[in-house]
Amino acid sequence: MTIHNRTISIWVFSLLAGIFGLLTIKSGGAVLFIDGEARQAAGHYVPFVLWFNFCAGFVYIVAGIALWLMHSWSAWLSLLLAISTLLIFAAFGLHILNGGDYETRTVMAMTLRSGIWTMIAFFTWNLFLRNKKLAH
């Protein structure tokens, strides 16, 4: 594929991934590294969820760039992000079930992250890998 074949879907999903990554790094970094208003507002954040999301933000940007450049491996990276986010979400659920402190907005944010990365993984899989799998 060339740059001229970039569909509106590629534009939307690659920009969504990149912008989501930047926002994730900014918000997570403010809580992790700046002792101030953001940390106070975070309330009962769960450190392993926060660290995962902060680190994943950098990978979101890489995935967005890879999709923008129409690299087929962006499908594998998006799938990895979707699965790892769902696994962290499950671990977070166990944390809650075991009586751990948490914020409701973290549940909502993890639901959003899981949904976005599942959607991007589905899109990139269909775009780059589905036809290759069917051809074999």
N, C-alpha and C. Protein backbone atom coordinates (compact mmCIF):
# COMPACT_ATOMS: atom_id res chain seq x y z
N MET A 1 0.84 -1.19 0.00
CA MET A 1 0.00 0.00 0.00
C MET A 1 0.88 1.25 0.00
N THR A 2 0.42 2.22 -0.69
CA THR A 2 1.14 3.48 -0.69
C THR A 2 0.37 4.50 0.13
N ILE A 3 0.98 5.63 0.33
CA ILE A 3 0.35 6.68 1.12
C ILE A 3 -0.97 7.13 0.48
N HIS A 4 -1.09 6.96 -0.83
CA HIS A 4 -2.31 7.38 -1.53
C HIS A 4 -3.47 6.42 -1.27
N ASN A 5 -3.18 5.23 -0.75
CA ASN A 5 -4.23 4.26 -0.45
C ASN A 5 -4.74 4.36 0.98
N ARG A 6 -4.28 5.33 1.73
CA ARG A 6 -4.67 5.47 3.13
C ARG A 6 -6.15 5.85 3.20
N THR A 7 -6.92 5.00 3.84
CA THR A 7 -8.36 5.24 3.95
C THR A 7 -8.66 6.16 5.13
N ILE A 8 -9.90 6.61 5.19
CA ILE A 8 -10.32 7.45 6.32
C ILE A 8 -10.23 6.64 7.62
N SER A 9 -10.47 5.34 7.54
CA SER A 9 -10.37 4.49 8.74
C SER A 9 -8.94 4.46 9.27
N ILE A 10 -7.97 4.38 8.39
CA ILE A 10 -6.57 4.40 8.81
C ILE A 10 -6.26 5.75 9.46
N TRP A 11 -6.72 6.81 8.87
CA TRP A 11 -6.53 8.13 9.46
C TRP A 11 -7.11 8.17 10.87
N VAL A 12 -8.35 7.75 11.00
CA VAL A 12 -9.04 7.83 12.28
C VAL A 12 -8.35 6.97 13.34
N PHE A 13 -8.11 5.70 13.02
CA PHE A 13 -7.55 4.80 14.03
C PHE A 13 -6.10 5.12 14.38
N SER A 14 -5.31 5.55 13.40
CA SER A 14 -3.92 5.89 13.72
C SER A 14 -3.85 7.17 14.55
N LEU A 15 -4.66 8.15 14.22
CA LEU A 15 -4.69 9.37 15.02
C LEU A 15 -5.27 9.11 16.41
N LEU A 16 -6.29 8.28 16.49
CA LEU A 16 -6.87 7.92 17.79
C LEU A 16 -5.80 7.27 18.67
N ALA A 17 -5.06 6.32 18.12
CA ALA A 17 -4.02 5.64 18.89
C ALA A 17 -2.94 6.63 19.35
N GLY A 18 -2.49 7.49 18.45
CA GLY A 18 -1.43 8.44 18.80
C GLY A 18 -1.87 9.47 19.83
N ILE A 19 -3.03 10.04 19.63
CA ILE A 19 -3.54 11.04 20.57
C ILE A 19 -3.85 10.40 21.92
N PHE A 20 -4.44 9.22 21.88
CA PHE A 20 -4.73 8.49 23.11
C PHE A 20 -3.44 8.20 23.87
N GLY A 21 -2.38 7.85 23.13
CA GLY A 21 -1.08 7.61 23.75
C GLY A 21 -0.51 8.85 24.42
N LEU A 22 -0.56 9.97 23.73
CA LEU A 22 -0.05 11.22 24.30
C LEU A 22 -0.82 11.61 25.57
N LEU A 23 -2.14 11.50 25.51
CA LEU A 23 -2.96 11.84 26.68
C LEU A 23 -2.70 10.89 27.85
N THR A 24 -2.47 9.62 27.53
CA THR A 24 -2.19 8.62 28.56
C THR A 24 -0.86 8.90 29.24
N ILE A 25 0.14 9.23 28.46
CA ILE A 25 1.46 9.55 29.02
C ILE A 25 1.38 10.80 29.88
N LYS A 26 0.67 11.82 29.40
CA LYS A 26 0.54 13.07 30.14
C LYS A 26 -0.18 12.85 31.47
N SER A 27 -1.32 12.20 31.44
CA SER A 27 -2.10 12.02 32.67
C SER A 27 -1.41 11.05 33.63
N GLY A 28 -0.90 9.94 33.12
CA GLY A 28 -0.20 8.99 33.99
C GLY A 28 1.08 9.56 34.56
N GLY A 29 1.83 10.27 33.74
CA GLY A 29 3.08 10.89 34.20
C GLY A 29 2.85 11.93 35.27
N ALA A 30 1.76 12.68 35.15
CA ALA A 30 1.45 13.70 36.15
C ALA A 30 1.20 13.06 37.52
N VAL A 31 0.53 11.91 37.53
CA VAL A 31 0.24 11.23 38.80
C VAL A 31 1.50 10.55 39.33
N LEU A 32 2.25 9.92 38.44
CA LEU A 32 3.43 9.16 38.87
C LEU A 32 4.60 10.04 39.31
N PHE A 33 4.83 11.15 38.62
CA PHE A 33 6.07 11.89 38.80
C PHE A 33 5.92 13.29 39.39
N ILE A 34 4.69 13.79 39.51
CA ILE A 34 4.50 15.14 40.02
C ILE A 34 3.61 15.05 41.25
N ASP A 35 4.16 15.42 42.38
CA ASP A 35 3.39 15.39 43.63
C ASP A 35 2.58 16.66 43.72
N GLY A 36 1.36 16.60 43.18
CA GLY A 36 0.54 17.81 43.18
C GLY A 36 -0.91 17.49 42.94
N GLU A 37 -1.55 18.40 42.24
CA GLU A 37 -2.99 18.35 42.01
C GLU A 37 -3.44 17.07 41.32
N ALA A 38 -2.70 16.63 40.31
CA ALA A 38 -3.10 15.42 39.57
C ALA A 38 -3.07 14.19 40.48
N ARG A 39 -2.06 14.09 41.31
CA ARG A 39 -1.96 12.94 42.22
C ARG A 39 -3.09 12.97 43.24
N GLN A 40 -3.39 14.15 43.76
CA GLN A 40 -4.50 14.29 44.72
C GLN A 40 -5.83 13.91 44.05
N ALA A 41 -6.02 14.38 42.83
CA ALA A 41 -7.26 14.11 42.11
C ALA A 41 -7.40 12.63 41.74
N ALA A 42 -6.28 11.93 41.62
CA ALA A 42 -6.32 10.51 41.25
C ALA A 42 -6.96 9.65 42.33
N GLY A 43 -6.92 10.11 43.55
CA GLY A 43 -7.57 9.36 44.63
C GLY A 43 -6.90 8.02 44.88
N HIS A 44 -7.71 6.98 44.97
CA HIS A 44 -7.21 5.62 45.26
C HIS A 44 -6.80 4.93 43.96
N TYR A 45 -5.75 5.42 43.35
CA TYR A 45 -5.29 4.77 42.12
C TYR A 45 -4.56 3.47 42.47
N VAL A 46 -4.56 2.55 41.51
CA VAL A 46 -3.93 1.25 41.70
C VAL A 46 -2.59 1.30 40.96
N PRO A 47 -1.47 1.23 41.68
CA PRO A 47 -0.17 1.45 41.05
C PRO A 47 0.12 0.57 39.83
N PHE A 48 -0.18 -0.73 39.88
CA PHE A 48 0.16 -1.56 38.72
C PHE A 48 -0.66 -1.19 37.49
N VAL A 49 -1.89 -0.73 37.69
CA VAL A 49 -2.72 -0.28 36.57
C VAL A 49 -2.16 1.03 36.01
N LEU A 50 -1.81 1.93 36.89
CA LEU A 50 -1.26 3.22 36.47
C LEU A 50 0.05 3.04 35.72
N TRP A 51 0.96 2.22 36.25
CA TRP A 51 2.24 1.99 35.58
C TRP A 51 2.05 1.32 34.22
N PHE A 52 1.16 0.33 34.16
CA PHE A 52 0.89 -0.32 32.88
C PHE A 52 0.39 0.69 31.87
N ASN A 53 -0.61 1.48 32.26
CA ASN A 53 -1.19 2.44 31.32
C ASN A 53 -0.17 3.48 30.88
N PHE A 54 0.64 3.96 31.82
CA PHE A 54 1.66 4.95 31.47
C PHE A 54 2.64 4.37 30.43
N CYS A 55 3.15 3.18 30.71
CA CYS A 55 4.11 2.55 29.77
C CYS A 55 3.44 2.21 28.44
N ALA A 56 2.19 1.74 28.51
CA ALA A 56 1.47 1.40 27.29
C ALA A 56 1.24 2.63 26.41
N GLY A 57 1.16 3.80 27.02
CA GLY A 57 0.96 5.02 26.24
C GLY A 57 2.04 5.20 25.17
N PHE A 58 3.27 4.85 25.48
CA PHE A 58 4.35 4.94 24.50
C PHE A 58 4.13 3.95 23.37
N VAL A 59 3.64 2.77 23.72
CA VAL A 59 3.37 1.74 22.71
C VAL A 59 2.17 2.14 21.86
N TYR A 60 1.20 2.84 22.45
CA TYR A 60 0.06 3.35 21.68
C TYR A 60 0.56 4.24 20.54
N ILE A 61 1.52 5.09 20.87
CA ILE A 61 2.06 6.01 19.86
C ILE A 61 2.77 5.23 18.75
N VAL A 62 3.57 4.23 19.13
CA VAL A 62 4.25 3.40 18.13
C VAL A 62 3.22 2.69 17.24
N ALA A 63 2.17 2.15 17.86
CA ALA A 63 1.12 1.47 17.09
C ALA A 63 0.42 2.44 16.14
N GLY A 64 0.15 3.65 16.61
CA GLY A 64 -0.48 4.64 15.75
C GLY A 64 0.39 5.02 14.57
N ILE A 65 1.68 5.19 14.81
CA ILE A 65 2.62 5.51 13.72
C ILE A 65 2.72 4.35 12.75
N ALA A 66 2.81 3.13 13.28
CA ALA A 66 2.91 1.94 12.42
C ALA A 66 1.67 1.79 11.54
N LEU A 67 0.51 2.05 12.12
CA LEU A 67 -0.72 1.98 11.33
C LEU A 67 -0.74 3.11 10.29
N TRP A 68 -0.36 4.30 10.68
CA TRP A 68 -0.29 5.44 9.75
C TRP A 68 0.60 5.11 8.55
N LEU A 69 1.73 4.44 8.85
CA LEU A 69 2.66 4.06 7.78
C LEU A 69 2.24 2.76 7.09
N MET A 70 1.12 2.19 7.54
CA MET A 70 0.52 0.99 6.98
C MET A 70 1.45 -0.23 7.03
N HIS A 71 2.13 -0.37 8.17
CA HIS A 71 2.93 -1.56 8.42
C HIS A 71 2.01 -2.66 8.91
N SER A 72 2.13 -3.85 8.32
CA SER A 72 1.24 -4.94 8.70
C SER A 72 1.45 -5.37 10.15
N TRP A 73 2.66 -5.17 10.69
CA TRP A 73 2.90 -5.57 12.08
C TRP A 73 2.13 -4.72 13.08
N SER A 74 1.54 -3.62 12.61
CA SER A 74 0.69 -2.84 13.52
C SER A 74 -0.51 -3.66 14.00
N ALA A 75 -0.91 -4.65 13.21
CA ALA A 75 -2.01 -5.54 13.63
C ALA A 75 -1.58 -6.38 14.82
N TRP A 76 -0.37 -6.91 14.78
CA TRP A 76 0.13 -7.72 15.90
C TRP A 76 0.32 -6.86 17.14
N LEU A 77 0.83 -5.66 16.97
CA LEU A 77 1.04 -4.77 18.10
C LEU A 77 -0.30 -4.35 18.70
N SER A 78 -1.27 -4.07 17.87
CA SER A 78 -2.60 -3.70 18.36
C SER A 78 -3.25 -4.87 19.10
N LEU A 79 -3.07 -6.08 18.59
CA LEU A 79 -3.59 -7.26 19.26
C LEU A 79 -2.91 -7.45 20.62
N LEU A 80 -1.61 -7.26 20.66
CA LEU A 80 -0.87 -7.34 21.93
C LEU A 80 -1.40 -6.31 22.93
N LEU A 81 -1.64 -5.09 22.46
CA LEU A 81 -2.17 -4.04 23.34
C LEU A 81 -3.57 -4.40 23.85
N ALA A 82 -4.41 -4.93 22.97
CA ALA A 82 -5.77 -5.31 23.38
C ALA A 82 -5.72 -6.41 24.43
N ILE A 83 -4.94 -7.45 24.17
CA ILE A 83 -4.87 -8.59 25.10
C ILE A 83 -4.24 -8.17 26.42
N SER A 84 -3.14 -7.44 26.38
CA SER A 84 -2.49 -7.04 27.63
C SER A 84 -3.37 -6.09 28.45
N THR A 85 -4.11 -5.22 27.78
CA THR A 85 -5.03 -4.33 28.49
C THR A 85 -6.14 -5.13 29.15
N LEU A 86 -6.66 -6.12 28.45
CA LEU A 86 -7.70 -6.97 29.04
C LEU A 86 -7.17 -7.78 30.22
N LEU A 87 -5.93 -8.23 30.13
CA LEU A 87 -5.33 -8.97 31.25
C LEU A 87 -5.13 -8.08 32.47
N ILE A 88 -4.66 -6.85 32.25
CA ILE A 88 -4.51 -5.90 33.36
C ILE A 88 -5.88 -5.56 33.94
N PHE A 89 -6.87 -5.41 33.07
CA PHE A 89 -8.23 -5.14 33.53
C PHE A 89 -8.73 -6.29 34.42
N ALA A 90 -8.44 -7.54 34.01
CA ALA A 90 -8.84 -8.70 34.81
C ALA A 90 -8.12 -8.70 36.16
N ALA A 91 -6.82 -8.39 36.15
CA ALA A 91 -6.07 -8.32 37.40
C ALA A 91 -6.61 -7.20 38.29
N PHE A 92 -7.00 -6.11 37.69
CA PHE A 92 -7.63 -5.00 38.42
C PHE A 92 -8.94 -5.47 39.04
N GLY A 93 -9.71 -6.25 38.28
CA GLY A 93 -10.95 -6.81 38.81
C GLY A 93 -10.70 -7.69 40.03
N LEU A 94 -9.65 -8.50 39.97
CA LEU A 94 -9.28 -9.33 41.13
C LEU A 94 -8.88 -8.46 42.32
N HIS A 95 -8.17 -7.38 42.04
CA HIS A 95 -7.79 -6.43 43.08
C HIS A 95 -9.05 -5.90 43.78
N ILE A 96 -10.06 -5.54 42.99
CA ILE A 96 -11.31 -5.03 43.55
C ILE A 96 -12.02 -6.12 44.35
N LEU A 97 -12.10 -7.32 43.78
CA LEU A 97 -12.78 -8.43 44.47
C LEU A 97 -12.12 -8.79 45.79
N ASN A 98 -10.82 -8.56 45.88
CA ASN A 98 -10.09 -8.82 47.12
C ASN A 98 -10.15 -7.65 48.10
N GLY A 99 -11.00 -6.68 47.82
CA GLY A 99 -11.20 -5.57 48.75
C GLY A 99 -10.25 -4.41 48.58
N GLY A 100 -9.50 -4.37 47.49
CA GLY A 100 -8.57 -3.27 47.26
C GLY A 100 -9.27 -1.97 46.94
N ASP A 101 -8.64 -0.87 47.35
CA ASP A 101 -9.17 0.45 47.04
C ASP A 101 -9.05 0.72 45.54
N TYR A 102 -10.02 1.47 45.01
CA TYR A 102 -10.00 1.83 43.59
C TYR A 102 -10.94 3.00 43.37
N GLU A 103 -10.84 3.56 42.20
CA GLU A 103 -11.73 4.64 41.79
C GLU A 103 -12.63 4.13 40.66
N THR A 104 -13.89 4.51 40.70
CA THR A 104 -14.83 4.10 39.66
C THR A 104 -14.37 4.57 38.28
N ARG A 105 -13.73 5.74 38.24
CA ARG A 105 -13.27 6.24 36.93
C ARG A 105 -12.20 5.35 36.34
N THR A 106 -11.47 4.59 37.18
CA THR A 106 -10.49 3.64 36.65
C THR A 106 -11.20 2.49 35.94
N VAL A 107 -12.29 2.04 36.50
CA VAL A 107 -13.09 1.00 35.83
C VAL A 107 -13.56 1.52 34.48
N MET A 108 -14.05 2.74 34.45
CA MET A 108 -14.53 3.33 33.20
C MET A 108 -13.38 3.51 32.19
N ALA A 109 -12.23 3.97 32.69
CA ALA A 109 -11.08 4.18 31.81
C ALA A 109 -10.57 2.86 31.24
N MET A 110 -10.54 1.82 32.06
CA MET A 110 -10.08 0.52 31.56
C MET A 110 -11.08 -0.08 30.58
N THR A 111 -12.35 0.17 30.80
CA THR A 111 -13.37 -0.27 29.84
C THR A 111 -13.16 0.43 28.51
N LEU A 112 -12.91 1.74 28.56
CA LEU A 112 -12.65 2.51 27.35
C LEU A 112 -11.39 2.01 26.65
N ARG A 113 -10.30 1.84 27.39
CA ARG A 113 -9.04 1.37 26.80
C ARG A 113 -9.22 -0.01 26.15
N SER A 114 -9.88 -0.89 26.87
CA SER A 114 -10.10 -2.24 26.35
C SER A 114 -10.91 -2.19 25.06
N GLY A 115 -11.95 -1.38 25.06
CA GLY A 115 -12.79 -1.25 23.87
C GLY A 115 -12.05 -0.66 22.69
N ILE A 116 -11.30 0.40 22.94
CA ILE A 116 -10.56 1.05 21.85
C ILE A 116 -9.54 0.10 21.25
N TRP A 117 -8.75 -0.58 22.09
CA TRP A 117 -7.71 -1.46 21.55
C TRP A 117 -8.27 -2.73 20.94
N THR A 118 -9.40 -3.20 21.42
CA THR A 118 -10.06 -4.34 20.77
C THR A 118 -10.55 -3.92 19.38
N MET A 119 -11.12 -2.73 19.29
CA MET A 119 -11.60 -2.20 18.02
C MET A 119 -10.43 -1.98 17.04
N ILE A 120 -9.35 -1.37 17.50
CA ILE A 120 -8.20 -1.14 16.62
C ILE A 120 -7.58 -2.46 16.20
N ALA A 121 -7.48 -3.42 17.12
CA ALA A 121 -6.92 -4.73 16.78
C ALA A 121 -7.78 -5.43 15.73
N PHE A 122 -9.09 -5.38 15.89
CA PHE A 122 -10.01 -5.98 14.92
C PHE A 122 -9.83 -5.33 13.55
N PHE A 123 -9.77 -4.00 13.55
CA PHE A 123 -9.61 -3.26 12.29
C PHE A 123 -8.29 -3.62 11.61
N THR A 124 -7.18 -3.56 12.36
CA THR A 124 -5.88 -3.82 11.74
C THR A 124 -5.74 -5.28 11.32
N TRP A 125 -6.31 -6.19 12.11
CA TRP A 125 -6.27 -7.61 11.73
C TRP A 125 -6.98 -7.82 10.39
N ASN A 126 -8.16 -7.23 10.27
CA ASN A 126 -8.91 -7.35 9.01
C ASN A 126 -8.19 -6.67 7.85
N LEU A 127 -7.57 -5.55 8.11
CA LEU A 127 -6.88 -4.80 7.08
C LEU A 127 -5.63 -5.50 6.57
N PHE A 128 -4.81 -6.00 7.48
CA PHE A 128 -3.50 -6.51 7.09
C PHE A 128 -3.36 -8.03 7.09
N LEU A 129 -4.04 -8.73 7.96
CA LEU A 129 -3.75 -10.15 8.14
C LEU A 129 -4.85 -11.10 7.70
N ARG A 130 -6.08 -10.68 7.74
CA ARG A 130 -7.19 -11.59 7.43
C ARG A 130 -7.07 -12.15 6.03
N ASN A 131 -6.82 -11.30 5.05
CA ASN A 131 -6.73 -11.77 3.67
C ASN A 131 -5.55 -12.69 3.45
N LYS A 132 -4.44 -12.46 4.17
CA LYS A 132 -3.28 -13.34 4.08
C LYS A 132 -3.60 -14.70 4.66
N LYS A 133 -4.34 -14.73 5.78
CA LYS A 133 -4.72 -16.00 6.40
C LYS A 133 -5.67 -16.77 5.50
N LEU A 134 -6.62 -16.09 4.85
CA LEU A 134 -7.58 -16.75 3.98
C LEU A 134 -6.94 -17.28 2.71
N ALA A 135 -5.85 -16.63 2.27
CA ALA A 135 -5.19 -17.04 1.03
C ALA A 135 -4.40 -18.34 1.21
N HIS A 136 -4.07 -18.71 2.44
CA HIS A 136 -3.27 -19.92 2.67
C HIS A 136 -4.11 -21.12 2.91
